[in-house]
Amino acid sequence: MKKTNFAVAAAITSLLAVGATTLTTTPAQAAEKEKCYGVAKAGKNDCATATSSCAGTSTKDAQKDAFIVVPQGLCDRLSGSAKSAS
């Protein structure tokens, strides 16, 4: 097998493994996460905000309407954070 074919096969196998891992996330694991507002760096938010249309488009650090998803309980320990109501 050529080195390039081996590299492509390894990359595809890695992507399939990551996809399979993502699919095995249970609802209980998803419930162990929370939205944490006001702590995302500029351009690092996880979803749309009132002033931007999609993830990764917040315009400033600690934008109040931009959130990141963090493990349950972490948001309470982050300075300047606010948990989501949901």
PDB file of N, CA and C in Angstrom:
ATOM      1  N   MET A   1       0.852  -1.178   0.000  1.00  0.00           N
ATOM      2  CA  MET A   1       0.000   0.000   0.000  1.00  0.00           C
ATOM      3  C   MET A   1       0.895   1.238   0.000  1.00  0.00           C
ATOM      4  N   LYS A   2       0.584   2.173  -0.851  1.00  0.00           N
ATOM      5  CA  LYS A   2       1.350   3.409  -0.920  1.00  0.00           C
ATOM      6  C   LYS A   2       1.133   4.227   0.349  1.00  0.00           C
ATOM      7  N   LYS A   3       2.117   5.072   0.669  1.00  0.00           N
ATOM      8  CA  LYS A   3       2.023   5.895   1.870  1.00  0.00           C
ATOM      9  C   LYS A   3       0.820   6.830   1.817  1.00  0.00           C
ATOM     10  N   THR A   4       0.509   7.378   0.642  1.00  0.00           N
ATOM     11  CA  THR A   4      -0.629   8.298   0.531  1.00  0.00           C
ATOM     12  C   THR A   4      -1.937   7.559   0.750  1.00  0.00           C
ATOM     13  N   ASN A   5      -2.067   6.349   0.218  1.00  0.00           N
ATOM     14  CA  ASN A   5      -3.282   5.569   0.429  1.00  0.00           C
ATOM     15  C   ASN A   5      -3.441   5.213   1.906  1.00  0.00           C
ATOM     16  N   PHE A   6      -2.329   4.884   2.544  1.00  0.00           N
ATOM     17  CA  PHE A   6      -2.363   4.551   3.961  1.00  0.00           C
ATOM     18  C   PHE A   6      -2.814   5.761   4.784  1.00  0.00           C
ATOM     19  N   ALA A   7      -2.312   6.938   4.449  1.00  0.00           N
ATOM     20  CA  ALA A   7      -2.677   8.159   5.172  1.00  0.00           C
ATOM     21  C   ALA A   7      -4.158   8.475   4.993  1.00  0.00           C
ATOM     22  N   VAL A   8      -4.664   8.316   3.793  1.00  0.00           N
ATOM     23  CA  VAL A   8      -6.086   8.572   3.531  1.00  0.00           C
ATOM     24  C   VAL A   8      -6.941   7.570   4.297  1.00  0.00           C
ATOM     25  N   ALA A   9      -6.559   6.305   4.279  1.00  0.00           N
ATOM     26  CA  ALA A   9      -7.311   5.276   5.001  1.00  0.00           C
ATOM     27  C   ALA A   9      -7.309   5.545   6.499  1.00  0.00           C
ATOM     28  N   ALA A  10      -6.169   5.976   7.035  1.00  0.00           N
ATOM     29  CA  ALA A  10      -6.081   6.286   8.460  1.00  0.00           C
ATOM     30  C   ALA A  10      -6.961   7.482   8.810  1.00  0.00           C
ATOM     31  N   ALA A  11      -6.980   8.490   7.953  1.00  0.00           N
ATOM     32  CA  ALA A  11      -7.811   9.671   8.198  1.00  0.00           C
ATOM     33  C   ALA A  11      -9.293   9.320   8.177  1.00  0.00           C
ATOM     34  N   ILE A  12      -9.698   8.517   7.227  1.00  0.00           N
ATOM     35  CA  ILE A  12     -11.104   8.112   7.132  1.00  0.00           C
ATOM     36  C   ILE A  12     -11.497   7.274   8.340  1.00  0.00           C
ATOM     37  N   THR A  13     -10.642   6.370   8.745  1.00  0.00           N
ATOM     38  CA  THR A  13     -10.921   5.548   9.919  1.00  0.00           C
ATOM     39  C   THR A  13     -11.074   6.409  11.168  1.00  0.00           C
ATOM     40  N   SER A  14     -10.227   7.414  11.308  1.00  0.00           N
ATOM     41  CA  SER A  14     -10.316   8.318  12.457  1.00  0.00           C
ATOM     42  C   SER A  14     -11.633   9.080  12.459  1.00  0.00           C
ATOM     43  N   LEU A  15     -12.043   9.580  11.299  1.00  0.00           N
ATOM     44  CA  LEU A  15     -13.313  10.307  11.211  1.00  0.00           C
ATOM     45  C   LEU A  15     -14.494   9.410  11.547  1.00  0.00           C
ATOM     46  N   LEU A  16     -14.465   8.176  11.087  1.00  0.00           N
ATOM     47  CA  LEU A  16     -15.541   7.236  11.408  1.00  0.00           C
ATOM     48  C   LEU A  16     -15.584   6.945  12.901  1.00  0.00           C
ATOM     49  N   ALA A  17     -14.440   6.815  13.518  1.00  0.00           N
ATOM     50  CA  ALA A  17     -14.390   6.559  14.962  1.00  0.00           C
ATOM     51  C   ALA A  17     -14.955   7.736  15.743  1.00  0.00           C
ATOM     52  N   VAL A  18     -14.603   8.943  15.350  1.00  0.00           N
ATOM     53  CA  VAL A  18     -15.127  10.136  16.021  1.00  0.00           C
ATOM     54  C   VAL A  18     -16.637  10.219  15.830  1.00  0.00           C
ATOM     55  N   GLY A  19     -17.114   9.944  14.636  1.00  0.00           N
ATOM     56  CA  GLY A  19     -18.553   9.964  14.375  1.00  0.00           C
ATOM     57  C   GLY A  19     -19.295   8.938  15.203  1.00  0.00           C
ATOM     58  N   ALA A  20     -18.750   7.754  15.326  1.00  0.00           N
ATOM     59  CA  ALA A  20     -19.385   6.707  16.127  1.00  0.00           C
ATOM     60  C   ALA A  20     -19.418   7.094  17.594  1.00  0.00           C
ATOM     61  N   THR A  21     -18.378   7.727  18.071  1.00  0.00           N
ATOM     62  CA  THR A  21     -18.340   8.174  19.464  1.00  0.00           C
ATOM     63  C   THR A  21     -19.403   9.239  19.707  1.00  0.00           C
ATOM     64  N   THR A  22     -19.559  10.140  18.767  1.00  0.00           N
ATOM     65  CA  THR A  22     -20.567  11.192  18.884  1.00  0.00           C
ATOM     66  C   THR A  22     -21.969  10.609  18.919  1.00  0.00           C
ATOM     67  N   LEU A  23     -22.218   9.591  18.129  1.00  0.00           N
ATOM     68  CA  LEU A  23     -23.536   8.970  18.079  1.00  0.00           C
ATOM     69  C   LEU A  23     -23.875   8.208  19.343  1.00  0.00           C
ATOM     70  N   THR A  24     -22.899   7.822  20.124  1.00  0.00           N
ATOM     71  CA  THR A  24     -23.161   7.047  21.332  1.00  0.00           C
ATOM     72  C   THR A  24     -23.403   7.917  22.556  1.00  0.00           C
ATOM     73  N   THR A  25     -23.476   9.226  22.394  1.00  0.00           N
ATOM     74  CA  THR A  25     -23.785  10.110  23.512  1.00  0.00           C
ATOM     75  C   THR A  25     -25.219   9.876  23.939  1.00  0.00           C
ATOM     76  N   THR A  26     -25.431   9.587  25.198  1.00  0.00           N
ATOM     77  CA  THR A  26     -26.767   9.303  25.702  1.00  0.00           C
ATOM     78  C   THR A  26     -27.453  10.592  26.122  1.00  0.00           C
ATOM     79  N   PRO A  27     -28.781  10.583  26.243  1.00  0.00           N
ATOM     80  CA  PRO A  27     -29.475  11.777  26.727  1.00  0.00           C
ATOM     81  C   PRO A  27     -29.001  12.203  28.118  1.00  0.00           C
ATOM     82  N   ALA A  28     -28.608  11.247  28.945  1.00  0.00           N
ATOM     83  CA  ALA A  28     -28.107  11.589  30.282  1.00  0.00           C
ATOM     84  C   ALA A  28     -26.820  12.389  30.183  1.00  0.00           C
ATOM     85  N   GLN A  29     -25.948  12.017  29.245  1.00  0.00           N
ATOM     86  CA  GLN A  29     -24.704  12.764  29.066  1.00  0.00           C
ATOM     87  C   GLN A  29     -24.987  14.162  28.546  1.00  0.00           C
ATOM     88  N   ALA A  30     -25.954  14.283  27.650  1.00  0.00           N
ATOM     89  CA  ALA A  30     -26.315  15.595  27.120  1.00  0.00           C
ATOM     90  C   ALA A  30     -26.898  16.475  28.217  1.00  0.00           C
ATOM     91  N   ALA A  31     -27.623  15.875  29.154  1.00  0.00           N
ATOM     92  CA  ALA A  31     -28.223  16.631  30.246  1.00  0.00           C
ATOM     93  C   ALA A  31     -27.170  17.135  31.222  1.00  0.00           C
ATOM     94  N   GLU A  32     -25.980  16.587  31.180  1.00  0.00           N
ATOM     95  CA  GLU A  32     -24.919  16.993  32.079  1.00  0.00           C
ATOM     96  C   GLU A  32     -24.169  18.217  31.553  1.00  0.00           C
ATOM     97  N   LYS A  33     -24.730  18.886  30.577  1.00  0.00           N
ATOM     98  CA  LYS A  33     -24.135  20.094  29.990  1.00  0.00           C
ATOM     99  C   LYS A  33     -25.083  21.264  30.232  1.00  0.00           C
ATOM    100  N   GLU A  34     -24.531  22.476  30.180  1.00  0.00           N
ATOM    101  CA  GLU A  34     -25.360  23.669  30.315  1.00  0.00           C
ATOM    102  C   GLU A  34     -24.789  24.802  29.468  1.00  0.00           C
ATOM    103  N   LYS A  35     -25.652  25.717  29.083  1.00  0.00           N
ATOM    104  CA  LYS A  35     -25.218  26.902  28.348  1.00  0.00           C
ATOM    105  C   LYS A  35     -24.703  27.918  29.356  1.00  0.00           C
ATOM    106  N   CYS A  36     -23.549  28.489  29.062  1.00  0.00           N
ATOM    107  CA  CYS A  36     -22.942  29.467  29.957  1.00  0.00           C
ATOM    108  C   CYS A  36     -22.708  30.759  29.170  1.00  0.00           C
ATOM    109  N   TYR A  37     -23.432  31.783  29.535  1.00  0.00           N
ATOM    110  CA  TYR A  37     -23.393  33.061  28.832  1.00  0.00           C
ATOM    111  C   TYR A  37     -22.345  34.000  29.414  1.00  0.00           C
ATOM    112  N   GLY A  38     -21.769  34.830  28.548  1.00  0.00           N
ATOM    113  CA  GLY A  38     -20.889  35.892  28.990  1.00  0.00           C
ATOM    114  C   GLY A  38     -19.440  35.499  29.233  1.00  0.00           C
ATOM    115  N   VAL A  39     -19.033  34.304  28.805  1.00  0.00           N
ATOM    116  CA  VAL A  39     -17.648  33.881  29.028  1.00  0.00           C
ATOM    117  C   VAL A  39     -16.906  33.532  27.742  1.00  0.00           C
ATOM    118  N   ALA A  40     -17.605  33.487  26.626  1.00  0.00           N
ATOM    119  CA  ALA A  40     -16.981  33.098  25.356  1.00  0.00           C
ATOM    120  C   ALA A  40     -16.044  34.194  24.850  1.00  0.00           C
ATOM    121  N   LYS A  41     -14.928  33.770  24.283  1.00  0.00           N
ATOM    122  CA  LYS A  41     -14.020  34.702  23.619  1.00  0.00           C
ATOM    123  C   LYS A  41     -14.640  35.110  22.282  1.00  0.00           C
ATOM    124  N   ALA A  42     -14.225  36.230  21.738  1.00  0.00           N
ATOM    125  CA  ALA A  42     -14.721  36.696  20.442  1.00  0.00           C
ATOM    126  C   ALA A  42     -14.508  35.607  19.394  1.00  0.00           C
ATOM    127  N   GLY A  43     -15.570  35.281  18.670  1.00  0.00           N
ATOM    128  CA  GLY A  43     -15.495  34.278  17.613  1.00  0.00           C
ATOM    129  C   GLY A  43     -15.508  32.850  18.091  1.00  0.00           C
ATOM    130  N   LYS A  44     -15.746  32.601  19.368  1.00  0.00           N
ATOM    131  CA  LYS A  44     -15.712  31.239  19.913  1.00  0.00           C
ATOM    132  C   LYS A  44     -17.046  30.798  20.514  1.00  0.00           C
ATOM    133  N   ASN A  45     -18.130  31.529  20.265  1.00  0.00           N
ATOM    134  CA  ASN A  45     -19.429  31.143  20.811  1.00  0.00           C
ATOM    135  C   ASN A  45     -19.954  29.884  20.127  1.00  0.00           C
ATOM    136  N   ASP A  46     -20.852  29.173  20.812  1.00  0.00           N
ATOM    137  CA  ASP A  46     -21.355  27.905  20.298  1.00  0.00           C
ATOM    138  C   ASP A  46     -22.598  28.030  19.417  1.00  0.00           C
ATOM    139  N   CYS A  47     -23.306  29.122  19.456  1.00  0.00           N
ATOM    140  CA  CYS A  47     -24.529  29.234  18.663  1.00  0.00           C
ATOM    141  C   CYS A  47     -24.821  30.701  18.365  1.00  0.00           C
ATOM    142  N   ALA A  48     -25.908  30.935  17.654  1.00  0.00           N
ATOM    143  CA  ALA A  48     -26.289  32.293  17.277  1.00  0.00           C
ATOM    144  C   ALA A  48     -26.582  33.156  18.497  1.00  0.00           C
ATOM    145  N   THR A  49     -26.432  34.443  18.339  1.00  0.00           N
ATOM    146  CA  THR A  49     -26.757  35.414  19.393  1.00  0.00           C
ATOM    147  C   THR A  49     -27.777  36.403  18.829  1.00  0.00           C
ATOM    148  N   ALA A  50     -28.163  37.352  19.635  1.00  0.00           N
ATOM    149  CA  ALA A  50     -29.094  38.374  19.160  1.00  0.00           C
ATOM    150  C   ALA A  50     -28.458  39.252  18.089  1.00  0.00           C
ATOM    151  N   THR A  51     -27.137  39.334  18.089  1.00  0.00           N
ATOM    152  CA  THR A  51     -26.445  40.220  17.150  1.00  0.00           C
ATOM    153  C   THR A  51     -25.602  39.483  16.115  1.00  0.00           C
ATOM    154  N   SER A  52     -25.573  38.153  16.154  1.00  0.00           N
ATOM    155  CA  SER A  52     -24.842  37.384  15.150  1.00  0.00           C
ATOM    156  C   SER A  52     -25.653  36.165  14.740  1.00  0.00           C
ATOM    157  N   SER A  53     -25.383  35.664  13.542  1.00  0.00           N
ATOM    158  CA  SER A  53     -26.267  34.663  12.961  1.00  0.00           C
ATOM    159  C   SER A  53     -25.873  33.214  13.184  1.00  0.00           C
ATOM    160  N   CYS A  54     -24.655  32.947  13.622  1.00  0.00           N
ATOM    161  CA  CYS A  54     -24.280  31.547  13.799  1.00  0.00           C
ATOM    162  C   CYS A  54     -23.112  31.397  14.760  1.00  0.00           C
ATOM    163  N   ALA A  55     -22.742  30.157  15.029  1.00  0.00           N
ATOM    164  CA  ALA A  55     -21.640  29.868  15.942  1.00  0.00           C
ATOM    165  C   ALA A  55     -20.344  30.485  15.433  1.00  0.00           C
ATOM    166  N   GLY A  56     -19.522  30.921  16.362  1.00  0.00           N
ATOM    167  CA  GLY A  56     -18.225  31.469  16.004  1.00  0.00           C
ATOM    168  C   GLY A  56     -18.257  32.883  15.469  1.00  0.00           C
ATOM    169  N   THR A  57     -19.350  33.591  15.702  1.00  0.00           N
ATOM    170  CA  THR A  57     -19.461  34.942  15.141  1.00  0.00           C
ATOM    171  C   THR A  57     -19.645  36.031  16.189  1.00  0.00           C
ATOM    172  N   SER A  58     -19.430  35.734  17.454  1.00  0.00           N
ATOM    173  CA  SER A  58     -19.523  36.797  18.455  1.00  0.00           C
ATOM    174  C   SER A  58     -18.413  37.815  18.172  1.00  0.00           C
ATOM    175  N   THR A  59     -18.695  39.061  18.463  1.00  0.00           N
ATOM    176  CA  THR A  59     -17.778  40.132  18.044  1.00  0.00           C
ATOM    177  C   THR A  59     -16.831  40.610  19.127  1.00  0.00           C
ATOM    178  N   LYS A  60     -17.077  40.234  20.389  1.00  0.00           N
ATOM    179  CA  LYS A  60     -16.187  40.677  21.460  1.00  0.00           C
ATOM    180  C   LYS A  60     -16.120  39.623  22.555  1.00  0.00           C
ATOM    181  N   ASP A  61     -15.062  39.666  23.333  1.00  0.00           N
ATOM    182  CA  ASP A  61     -14.925  38.774  24.480  1.00  0.00           C
ATOM    183  C   ASP A  61     -16.024  39.068  25.491  1.00  0.00           C
ATOM    184  N   ALA A  62     -16.525  38.036  26.141  1.00  0.00           N
ATOM    185  CA  ALA A  62     -17.533  38.144  27.207  1.00  0.00           C
ATOM    186  C   ALA A  62     -18.817  38.829  26.747  1.00  0.00           C
ATOM    187  N   GLN A  63     -19.188  38.636  25.490  1.00  0.00           N
ATOM    188  CA  GLN A  63     -20.444  39.194  24.974  1.00  0.00           C
ATOM    189  C   GLN A  63     -21.593  38.557  25.750  1.00  0.00           C
ATOM    190  N   LYS A  64     -22.472  39.350  26.316  1.00  0.00           N
ATOM    191  CA  LYS A  64     -23.505  38.862  27.240  1.00  0.00           C
ATOM    192  C   LYS A  64     -24.494  37.885  26.610  1.00  0.00           C
ATOM    193  N   ASP A  65     -24.769  37.987  25.294  1.00  0.00           N
ATOM    194  CA  ASP A  65     -25.739  37.087  24.677  1.00  0.00           C
ATOM    195  C   ASP A  65     -25.087  35.896  23.961  1.00  0.00           C
ATOM    196  N   ALA A  66     -23.773  35.763  24.065  1.00  0.00           N
ATOM    197  CA  ALA A  66     -23.058  34.642  23.456  1.00  0.00           C
ATOM    198  C   ALA A  66     -22.774  33.590  24.524  1.00  0.00           C
ATOM    199  N   PHE A  67     -22.981  32.311  24.159  1.00  0.00           N
ATOM    200  CA  PHE A  67     -22.745  31.258  25.138  1.00  0.00           C
ATOM    201  C   PHE A  67     -21.827  30.170  24.596  1.00  0.00           C
ATOM    202  N   ILE A  68     -21.293  29.395  25.520  1.00  0.00           N
ATOM    203  CA  ILE A  68     -20.599  28.159  25.208  1.00  0.00           C
ATOM    204  C   ILE A  68     -21.258  27.071  26.055  1.00  0.00           C
ATOM    205  N   VAL A  69     -21.201  25.844  25.588  1.00  0.00           N
ATOM    206  CA  VAL A  69     -21.748  24.720  26.335  1.00  0.00           C
ATOM    207  C   VAL A  69     -20.626  24.140  27.180  1.00  0.00           C
ATOM    208  N   VAL A  70     -20.891  24.023  28.486  1.00  0.00           N
ATOM    209  CA  VAL A  70     -19.887  23.539  29.436  1.00  0.00           C
ATOM    210  C   VAL A  70     -20.486  22.415  30.283  1.00  0.00           C
ATOM    211  N   PRO A  71     -19.650  21.628  30.937  1.00  0.00           N
ATOM    212  CA  PRO A  71     -20.163  20.599  31.853  1.00  0.00           C
ATOM    213  C   PRO A  71     -20.994  21.232  32.975  1.00  0.00           C
ATOM    214  N   GLN A  72     -22.014  20.515  33.410  1.00  0.00           N
ATOM    215  CA  GLN A  72     -22.903  20.982  34.481  1.00  0.00           C
ATOM    216  C   GLN A  72     -22.097  21.412  35.696  1.00  0.00           C
ATOM    217  N   GLY A  73     -22.363  22.593  36.225  1.00  0.00           N
ATOM    218  CA  GLY A  73     -21.705  23.092  37.419  1.00  0.00           C
ATOM    219  C   GLY A  73     -20.499  23.981  37.154  1.00  0.00           C
ATOM    220  N   LEU A  74     -19.914  23.907  35.973  1.00  0.00           N
ATOM    221  CA  LEU A  74     -18.735  24.722  35.674  1.00  0.00           C
ATOM    222  C   LEU A  74     -19.080  26.202  35.541  1.00  0.00           C
ATOM    223  N   CYS A  75     -20.226  26.507  34.986  1.00  0.00           N
ATOM    224  CA  CYS A  75     -20.610  27.903  34.759  1.00  0.00           C
ATOM    225  C   CYS A  75     -20.638  28.691  36.069  1.00  0.00           C
ATOM    226  N   ASP A  76     -21.073  28.055  37.150  1.00  0.00           N
ATOM    227  CA  ASP A  76     -21.120  28.729  38.450  1.00  0.00           C
ATOM    228  C   ASP A  76     -19.745  29.162  38.927  1.00  0.00           C
ATOM    229  N   ARG A  77     -18.706  28.475  38.475  1.00  0.00           N
ATOM    230  CA  ARG A  77     -17.346  28.766  38.926  1.00  0.00           C
ATOM    231  C   ARG A  77     -16.611  29.742  38.018  1.00  0.00           C
ATOM    232  N   LEU A  78     -17.179  30.090  36.865  1.00  0.00           N
ATOM    233  CA  LEU A  78     -16.519  30.994  35.930  1.00  0.00           C
ATOM    234  C   LEU A  78     -16.889  32.435  36.230  1.00  0.00           C
ATOM    235  N   SER A  79     -15.909  33.304  36.296  1.00  0.00           N
ATOM    236  CA  SER A  79     -16.121  34.708  36.590  1.00  0.00           C
ATOM    237  C   SER A  79     -16.867  35.392  35.451  1.00  0.00           C
ATOM    238  N   GLY A  80     -17.906  36.135  35.776  1.00  0.00           N
ATOM    239  CA  GLY A  80     -18.665  36.890  34.782  1.00  0.00           C
ATOM    240  C   GLY A  80     -19.690  36.071  34.028  1.00  0.00           C
ATOM    241  N   SER A  81     -19.947  34.848  34.463  1.00  0.00           N
ATOM    242  CA  SER A  81     -20.845  33.970  33.734  1.00  0.00           C
ATOM    243  C   SER A  81     -22.278  34.071  34.226  1.00  0.00           C
ATOM    244  N   ALA A  82     -23.172  33.583  33.367  1.00  0.00           N
ATOM    245  CA  ALA A  82     -24.580  33.477  33.711  1.00  0.00           C
ATOM    246  C   ALA A  82     -25.130  32.231  33.036  1.00  0.00           C
ATOM    247  N   LYS A  83     -25.849  31.375  33.783  1.00  0.00           N
ATOM    248  CA  LYS A  83     -26.414  30.165  33.216  1.00  0.00           C
ATOM    249  C   LYS A  83     -27.659  30.489  32.423  1.00  0.00           C
ATOM    250  N   SER A  84     -27.981  29.575  31.498  1.00  0.00           N
ATOM    251  CA  SER A  84     -29.214  29.725  30.723  1.00  0.00           C
ATOM    252  C   SER A  84     -30.403  29.349  31.598  1.00  0.00           C
ATOM    253  N   ALA A  85     -31.571  29.803  31.186  1.00  0.00           N
ATOM    254  CA  ALA A  85     -32.785  29.496  31.929  1.00  0.00           C
ATOM    255  C   ALA A  85     -33.263  28.082  31.646  1.00  0.00           C
ATOM    256  N   SER A  86     -32.803  27.459  30.534  1.00  0.00           N
ATOM    257  CA  SER A  86     -33.287  26.132  30.191  1.00  0.00           C
ATOM    258  C   SER A  86     -32.503  25.035  30.858  1.00  0.00           C
TER     259      SER A  86
END
